[in-house]
PDB file of N, CA and C in Angstrom:
ATOM      1  N   MET A   1      18.822   6.071 -16.006  1.00  0.00           N
ATOM      2  CA  MET A   1      17.856   6.023 -17.075  1.00  0.00           C
ATOM      3  C   MET A   1      16.459   5.746 -16.536  1.00  0.00           C
ATOM      4  N   ILE A   2      16.384   4.940 -15.491  1.00  0.00           N
ATOM      5  CA  ILE A   2      15.074   4.607 -14.926  1.00  0.00           C
ATOM      6  C   ILE A   2      14.411   5.846 -14.333  1.00  0.00           C
ATOM      7  N   SER A   3      15.203   6.778 -13.798  1.00  0.00           N
ATOM      8  CA  SER A   3      14.619   7.996 -13.236  1.00  0.00           C
ATOM      9  C   SER A   3      13.984   8.855 -14.329  1.00  0.00           C
ATOM     10  N   VAL A   4      14.553   8.850 -15.541  1.00  0.00           N
ATOM     11  CA  VAL A   4      13.981   9.591 -16.659  1.00  0.00           C
ATOM     12  C   VAL A   4      12.634   8.984 -17.056  1.00  0.00           C
ATOM     13  N   ILE A   5      12.566   7.675 -17.068  1.00  0.00           N
ATOM     14  CA  ILE A   5      11.314   6.988 -17.411  1.00  0.00           C
ATOM     15  C   ILE A   5      10.240   7.297 -16.372  1.00  0.00           C
ATOM     16  N   TYR A   6      10.611   7.218 -15.075  1.00  0.00           N
ATOM     17  CA  TYR A   6       9.660   7.570 -14.023  1.00  0.00           C
ATOM     18  C   TYR A   6       9.200   9.017 -14.180  1.00  0.00           C
ATOM     19  N   GLY A   7      10.115   9.912 -14.450  1.00  0.00           N
ATOM     20  CA  GLY A   7       9.779  11.322 -14.626  1.00  0.00           C
ATOM     21  C   GLY A   7       8.805  11.541 -15.769  1.00  0.00           C
ATOM     22  N   LEU A   8       9.049  10.879 -16.884  1.00  0.00           N
ATOM     23  CA  LEU A   8       8.142  10.990 -18.027  1.00  0.00           C
ATOM     24  C   LEU A   8       6.753  10.447 -17.707  1.00  0.00           C
ATOM     25  N   LEU A   9       6.697   9.288 -17.089  1.00  0.00           N
ATOM     26  CA  LEU A   9       5.408   8.694 -16.756  1.00  0.00           C
ATOM     27  C   LEU A   9       4.618   9.559 -15.780  1.00  0.00           C
ATOM     28  N   ILE A  10       5.281  10.049 -14.749  1.00  0.00           N
ATOM     29  CA  ILE A  10       4.600  10.911 -13.782  1.00  0.00           C
ATOM     30  C   ILE A  10       4.178  12.212 -14.447  1.00  0.00           C
ATOM     31  N   GLY A  11       5.052  12.795 -15.272  1.00  0.00           N
ATOM     32  CA  GLY A  11       4.724  14.031 -15.967  1.00  0.00           C
ATOM     33  C   GLY A  11       3.509  13.881 -16.873  1.00  0.00           C
ATOM     34  N   ILE A  12       3.444  12.783 -17.604  1.00  0.00           N
ATOM     35  CA  ILE A  12       2.293  12.539 -18.484  1.00  0.00           C
ATOM     36  C   ILE A  12       1.026  12.355 -17.657  1.00  0.00           C
ATOM     37  N   PHE A  13       1.116  11.577 -16.590  1.00  0.00           N
ATOM     38  CA  PHE A  13      -0.043  11.328 -15.739  1.00  0.00           C
ATOM     39  C   PHE A  13      -0.558  12.622 -15.113  1.00  0.00           C
ATOM     40  N   ILE A  14       0.344  13.430 -14.584  1.00  0.00           N
ATOM     41  CA  ILE A  14      -0.045  14.679 -13.943  1.00  0.00           C
ATOM     42  C   ILE A  14      -0.630  15.643 -14.963  1.00  0.00           C
ATOM     43  N   SER A  15      -0.083  15.674 -16.161  1.00  0.00           N
ATOM     44  CA  SER A  15      -0.627  16.538 -17.208  1.00  0.00           C
ATOM     45  C   SER A  15      -2.050  16.140 -17.573  1.00  0.00           C
ATOM     46  N   LEU A  16      -2.323  14.854 -17.567  1.00  0.00           N
ATOM     47  CA  LEU A  16      -3.657  14.379 -17.923  1.00  0.00           C
ATOM     48  C   LEU A  16      -4.698  14.716 -16.862  1.00  0.00           C
ATOM     49  N   ILE A  17      -4.318  14.634 -15.577  1.00  0.00           N
ATOM     50  CA  ILE A  17      -5.299  14.905 -14.528  1.00  0.00           C
ATOM     51  C   ILE A  17      -5.264  16.355 -14.064  1.00  0.00           C
ATOM     52  N   GLY A  18      -4.246  17.107 -14.446  1.00  0.00           N
ATOM     53  CA  GLY A  18      -4.201  18.530 -14.145  1.00  0.00           C
ATOM     54  C   GLY A  18      -3.859  18.874 -12.714  1.00  0.00           C
ATOM     55  N   GLY A  19      -3.198  18.019 -12.001  1.00  0.00           N
ATOM     56  CA  GLY A  19      -2.851  18.307 -10.616  1.00  0.00           C
ATOM     57  C   GLY A  19      -1.365  18.481 -10.425  1.00  0.00           C
ATOM     58  N   GLY A  20      -0.982  18.746  -9.211  1.00  0.00           N
ATOM     59  CA  GLY A  20       0.433  18.841  -8.882  1.00  0.00           C
ATOM     60  C   GLY A  20       0.998  17.462  -8.675  1.00  0.00           C
ATOM     61  N   GLY A  21       2.207  17.248  -9.067  1.00  0.00           N
ATOM     62  CA  GLY A  21       2.775  15.910  -8.985  1.00  0.00           C
ATOM     63  C   GLY A  21       3.805  15.720  -7.905  1.00  0.00           C
ATOM     64  N   ALA A  22       3.953  16.699  -7.012  1.00  0.00           N
ATOM     65  CA  ALA A  22       5.014  16.613  -6.014  1.00  0.00           C
ATOM     66  C   ALA A  22       4.871  15.381  -5.126  1.00  0.00           C
ATOM     67  N   SER A  23       3.657  15.025  -4.764  1.00  0.00           N
ATOM     68  CA  SER A  23       3.480  13.863  -3.898  1.00  0.00           C
ATOM     69  C   SER A  23       3.841  12.572  -4.622  1.00  0.00           C
ATOM     70  N   LEU A  24       3.544  12.494  -5.905  1.00  0.00           N
ATOM     71  CA  LEU A  24       3.927  11.297  -6.664  1.00  0.00           C
ATOM     72  C   LEU A  24       5.444  11.216  -6.822  1.00  0.00           C
ATOM     73  N   TYR A  25       6.062  12.366  -7.119  1.00  0.00           N
ATOM     74  CA  TYR A  25       7.511  12.376  -7.243  1.00  0.00           C
ATOM     75  C   TYR A  25       8.158  11.943  -5.937  1.00  0.00           C
ATOM     76  N   LEU A  26       7.633  12.443  -4.836  1.00  0.00           N
ATOM     77  CA  LEU A  26       8.201  12.117  -3.533  1.00  0.00           C
ATOM     78  C   LEU A  26       8.123  10.621  -3.265  1.00  0.00           C
ATOM     79  N   GLY A  27       6.976  10.023  -3.564  1.00  0.00           N
ATOM     80  CA  GLY A  27       6.823   8.580  -3.352  1.00  0.00           C
ATOM     81  C   GLY A  27       7.756   7.759  -4.218  1.00  0.00           C
ATOM     82  N   VAL A  28       7.896   8.145  -5.483  1.00  0.00           N
ATOM     83  CA  VAL A  28       8.774   7.402  -6.392  1.00  0.00           C
ATOM     84  C   VAL A  28      10.233   7.590  -5.997  1.00  0.00           C
ATOM     85  N   LEU A  29      10.602   8.813  -5.653  1.00  0.00           N
ATOM     86  CA  LEU A  29      11.998   9.061  -5.277  1.00  0.00           C
ATOM     87  C   LEU A  29      12.404   8.260  -4.051  1.00  0.00           C
ATOM     88  N   THR A  30      11.533   8.192  -3.053  1.00  0.00           N
ATOM     89  CA  THR A  30      11.906   7.496  -1.820  1.00  0.00           C
ATOM     90  C   THR A  30      11.744   5.985  -1.915  1.00  0.00           C
ATOM     91  N   SER A  31      10.671   5.506  -2.536  1.00  0.00           N
ATOM     92  CA  SER A  31      10.436   4.060  -2.531  1.00  0.00           C
ATOM     93  C   SER A  31      11.126   3.327  -3.676  1.00  0.00           C
ATOM     94  N   GLN A  32      11.112   3.892  -4.865  1.00  0.00           N
ATOM     95  CA  GLN A  32      11.651   3.175  -6.018  1.00  0.00           C
ATOM     96  C   GLN A  32      13.123   3.492  -6.291  1.00  0.00           C
ATOM     97  N   LEU A  33      13.496   4.761  -6.126  1.00  0.00           N
ATOM     98  CA  LEU A  33      14.867   5.164  -6.449  1.00  0.00           C
ATOM     99  C   LEU A  33      15.766   5.242  -5.226  1.00  0.00           C
ATOM    100  N   LYS A  34      15.212   4.965  -4.046  1.00  0.00           N
ATOM    101  CA  LYS A  34      15.957   4.899  -2.782  1.00  0.00           C
ATOM    102  C   LYS A  34      16.717   6.190  -2.477  1.00  0.00           C
ATOM    103  N   VAL A  35      16.080   7.332  -2.751  1.00  0.00           N
ATOM    104  CA  VAL A  35      16.658   8.633  -2.419  1.00  0.00           C
ATOM    105  C   VAL A  35      16.248   8.960  -0.991  1.00  0.00           C
ATOM    106  N   ALA A  36      17.159   9.534  -0.214  1.00  0.00           N
ATOM    107  CA  ALA A  36      16.849   9.897   1.168  1.00  0.00           C
ATOM    108  C   ALA A  36      15.736  10.946   1.194  1.00  0.00           C
ATOM    109  N   THR A  37      14.909  10.879   2.220  1.00  0.00           N
ATOM    110  CA  THR A  37      13.795  11.812   2.343  1.00  0.00           C
ATOM    111  C   THR A  37      14.273  13.256   2.397  1.00  0.00           C
ATOM    112  N   ALA A  38      15.407  13.484   3.057  1.00  0.00           N
ATOM    113  CA  ALA A  38      15.956  14.836   3.163  1.00  0.00           C
ATOM    114  C   ALA A  38      16.325  15.414   1.798  1.00  0.00           C
ATOM    115  N   VAL A  39      16.574  14.576   0.818  1.00  0.00           N
ATOM    116  CA  VAL A  39      16.881  15.024  -0.542  1.00  0.00           C
ATOM    117  C   VAL A  39      15.624  14.990  -1.410  1.00  0.00           C
ATOM    118  N   ALA A  40      14.764  14.024  -1.192  1.00  0.00           N
ATOM    119  CA  ALA A  40      13.572  13.851  -2.032  1.00  0.00           C
ATOM    120  C   ALA A  40      12.560  14.977  -1.851  1.00  0.00           C
ATOM    121  N   VAL A  41      12.380  15.463  -0.631  1.00  0.00           N
ATOM    122  CA  VAL A  41      11.388  16.513  -0.382  1.00  0.00           C
ATOM    123  C   VAL A  41      11.741  17.802  -1.129  1.00  0.00           C
ATOM    124  N   PRO A  42      12.958  18.350  -0.970  1.00  0.00           N
ATOM    125  CA  PRO A  42      13.271  19.556  -1.740  1.00  0.00           C
ATOM    126  C   PRO A  42      13.257  19.317  -3.248  1.00  0.00           C
ATOM    127  N   THR A  43      13.625  18.137  -3.678  1.00  0.00           N
ATOM    128  CA  THR A  43      13.608  17.825  -5.109  1.00  0.00           C
ATOM    129  C   THR A  43      12.191  17.862  -5.655  1.00  0.00           C
ATOM    130  N   SER A  44      11.237  17.271  -4.939  1.00  0.00           N
ATOM    131  CA  SER A  44       9.850  17.269  -5.408  1.00  0.00           C
ATOM    132  C   SER A  44       9.274  18.687  -5.397  1.00  0.00           C
ATOM    133  N   LEU A  45       9.665  19.498  -4.428  1.00  0.00           N
ATOM    134  CA  LEU A  45       9.207  20.885  -4.414  1.00  0.00           C
ATOM    135  C   LEU A  45       9.794  21.666  -5.583  1.00  0.00           C
ATOM    136  N   PHE A  46      11.047  21.419  -5.882  1.00  0.00           N
ATOM    137  CA  PHE A  46      11.705  22.092  -7.004  1.00  0.00           C
ATOM    138  C   PHE A  46      11.033  21.732  -8.327  1.00  0.00           C
ATOM    139  N   VAL A  47      10.615  20.493  -8.451  1.00  0.00           N
ATOM    140  CA  VAL A  47       9.938  20.043  -9.670  1.00  0.00           C
ATOM    141  C   VAL A  47       8.579  20.736  -9.814  1.00  0.00           C
ATOM    142  N   ALA A  48       7.907  21.001  -8.696  1.00  0.00           N
ATOM    143  CA  ALA A  48       6.573  21.617  -8.742  1.00  0.00           C
ATOM    144  C   ALA A  48       6.632  23.123  -9.004  1.00  0.00           C
ATOM    145  N   LEU A  49       7.749  23.773  -8.739  1.00  0.00           N
ATOM    146  CA  LEU A  49       7.830  25.232  -8.855  1.00  0.00           C
ATOM    147  C   LEU A  49       7.484  25.794 -10.232  1.00  0.00           C
ATOM    148  N   PRO A  50       7.967  25.254 -11.341  1.00  0.00           N
ATOM    149  CA  PRO A  50       7.594  25.835 -12.640  1.00  0.00           C
ATOM    150  C   PRO A  50       6.087  25.826 -12.898  1.00  0.00           C
ATOM    151  N   ALA A  51       5.419  24.735 -12.574  1.00  0.00           N
ATOM    152  CA  ALA A  51       3.968  24.672 -12.780  1.00  0.00           C
ATOM    153  C   ALA A  51       3.255  25.684 -11.898  1.00  0.00           C
ATOM    154  N   LEU A  52       3.698  25.813 -10.657  1.00  0.00           N
ATOM    155  CA  LEU A  52       3.092  26.789  -9.759  1.00  0.00           C
ATOM    156  C   LEU A  52       3.315  28.208 -10.258  1.00  0.00           C
ATOM    157  N   PHE A  53       4.510  28.500 -10.729  1.00  0.00           N
ATOM    158  CA  PHE A  53       4.832  29.836 -11.210  1.00  0.00           C
ATOM    159  C   PHE A  53       3.993  30.209 -12.432  1.00  0.00           C
ATOM    160  N   PHE A  54       3.905  29.317 -13.404  1.00  0.00           N
ATOM    161  CA  PHE A  54       3.134  29.621 -14.606  1.00  0.00           C
ATOM    162  C   PHE A  54       1.634  29.667 -14.326  1.00  0.00           C
ATOM    163  N   GLY A  55       1.167  28.877 -13.375  1.00  0.00           N
ATOM    164  CA  GLY A  55      -0.224  28.983 -12.946  1.00  0.00           C
ATOM    165  C   GLY A  55      -0.494  30.333 -12.298  1.00  0.00           C
ATOM    166  N   PHE A  56       0.447  30.796 -11.493  1.00  0.00           N
ATOM    167  CA  PHE A  56       0.326  32.122 -10.880  1.00  0.00           C
ATOM    168  C   PHE A  56       0.273  33.210 -11.940  1.00  0.00           C
ATOM    169  N   LEU A  57       1.152  33.129 -12.931  1.00  0.00           N
ATOM    170  CA  LEU A  57       1.152  34.135 -13.997  1.00  0.00           C
ATOM    171  C   LEU A  57      -0.167  34.147 -14.762  1.00  0.00           C
ATOM    172  N   THR A  58      -0.717  32.979 -15.000  1.00  0.00           N
ATOM    173  CA  THR A  58      -2.005  32.896 -15.693  1.00  0.00           C
ATOM    174  C   THR A  58      -3.101  33.559 -14.868  1.00  0.00           C
ATOM    175  N   GLN A  59      -3.112  33.313 -13.573  1.00  0.00           N
ATOM    176  CA  GLN A  59      -4.138  33.905 -12.715  1.00  0.00           C
ATOM    177  C   GLN A  59      -3.976  35.421 -12.603  1.00  0.00           C
ATOM    178  N   VAL A  60      -2.738  35.897 -12.622  1.00  0.00           N
ATOM    179  CA  VAL A  60      -2.503  37.348 -12.614  1.00  0.00           C
ATOM    180  C   VAL A  60      -3.017  37.953 -13.911  1.00  0.00           C
ATOM    181  N   ARG A  61      -2.752  37.295 -15.013  1.00  0.00           N
ATOM    182  CA  ARG A  61      -3.160  37.806 -16.322  1.00  0.00           C
ATOM    183  C   ARG A  61      -4.683  37.911 -16.450  1.00  0.00           C
ATOM    184  N   ILE A  62      -5.421  36.995 -15.845  1.00  0.00           N
ATOM    185  CA  ILE A  62      -6.884  37.063 -15.943  1.00  0.00           C
ATOM    186  C   ILE A  62      -7.502  37.775 -14.736  1.00  0.00           C
ATOM    187  N   HIS A  63      -6.646  38.449 -13.965  1.00  0.00           N
ATOM    188  CA  HIS A  63      -7.066  39.317 -12.854  1.00  0.00           C
ATOM    189  C   HIS A  63      -7.788  38.571 -11.736  1.00  0.00           C
ATOM    190  N   ASN A  64      -7.311  37.394 -11.392  1.00  0.00           N
ATOM    191  CA  ASN A  64      -7.856  36.642 -10.263  1.00  0.00           C
ATOM    192  C   ASN A  64      -7.018  36.790  -9.004  1.00  0.00           C
ATOM    193  N   VAL A  65      -5.947  37.559  -9.060  1.00  0.00           N
ATOM    194  CA  VAL A  65      -5.072  37.737  -7.903  1.00  0.00           C
ATOM    195  C   VAL A  65      -5.282  39.143  -7.358  1.00  0.00           C
ATOM    196  N   ARG A  66      -5.595  39.239  -6.072  1.00  0.00           N
ATOM    197  CA  ARG A  66      -5.752  40.530  -5.411  1.00  0.00           C
ATOM    198  C   ARG A  66      -4.554  40.748  -4.499  1.00  0.00           C
ATOM    199  N   PHE A  67      -3.570  41.466  -4.999  1.00  0.00           N
ATOM    200  CA  PHE A  67      -2.336  41.692  -4.248  1.00  0.00           C
ATOM    201  C   PHE A  67      -2.602  42.469  -2.962  1.00  0.00           C
ATOM    202  N   LYS A  68      -3.500  43.428  -3.018  1.00  0.00           N
ATOM    203  CA  LYS A  68      -3.811  44.240  -1.833  1.00  0.00           C
ATOM    204  C   LYS A  68      -4.365  43.350  -0.715  1.00  0.00           C
ATOM    205  N   LEU A  69      -5.260  42.464  -1.059  1.00  0.00           N
ATOM    206  CA  LEU A  69      -5.844  41.550  -0.070  1.00  0.00           C
ATOM    207  C   LEU A  69      -4.787  40.572   0.460  1.00  0.00           C
ATOM    208  N   GLY A  70      -3.919  40.117  -0.419  1.00  0.00           N
ATOM    209  CA  GLY A  70      -2.883  39.183  -0.006  1.00  0.00           C
ATOM    210  C   GLY A  70      -1.821  39.784   0.898  1.00  0.00           C
ATOM    211  N   ASN A  71      -1.632  41.087   0.824  1.00  0.00           N
ATOM    212  CA  ASN A  71      -0.618  41.750   1.639  1.00  0.00           C
ATOM    213  C   ASN A  71      -1.137  42.220   2.976  1.00  0.00           C
ATOM    214  N   VAL A  72      -2.420  42.024   3.240  1.00  0.00           N
ATOM    215  CA  VAL A  72      -3.003  42.466   4.506  1.00  0.00           C
ATOM    216  C   VAL A  72      -2.553  41.552   5.625  1.00  0.00           C
TER     217      VAL A  72
END
C-alpha cells in the first residue's frame, strides 16, 4: 500500500512541474522500498515510457519531428 501512496505523490509532483519522474521513482524504489537497483532501474524506465510516447505523438502531430533528419 505504501508503494501506491509513493506513486501517487510522485505522479502528482511530476505532473505539476512537467518533468520526467524516473529519477524520483528510482530514488524512492531503492531507498524507501528497498528494491534492488537491478530491478528499480528498468521499473523506473517502464514508468516513464507512456509519458515519453505521448509526448512524441504530440510533437509528431504539430510537425516538430523530422524523421528524415533523424534517420541520417
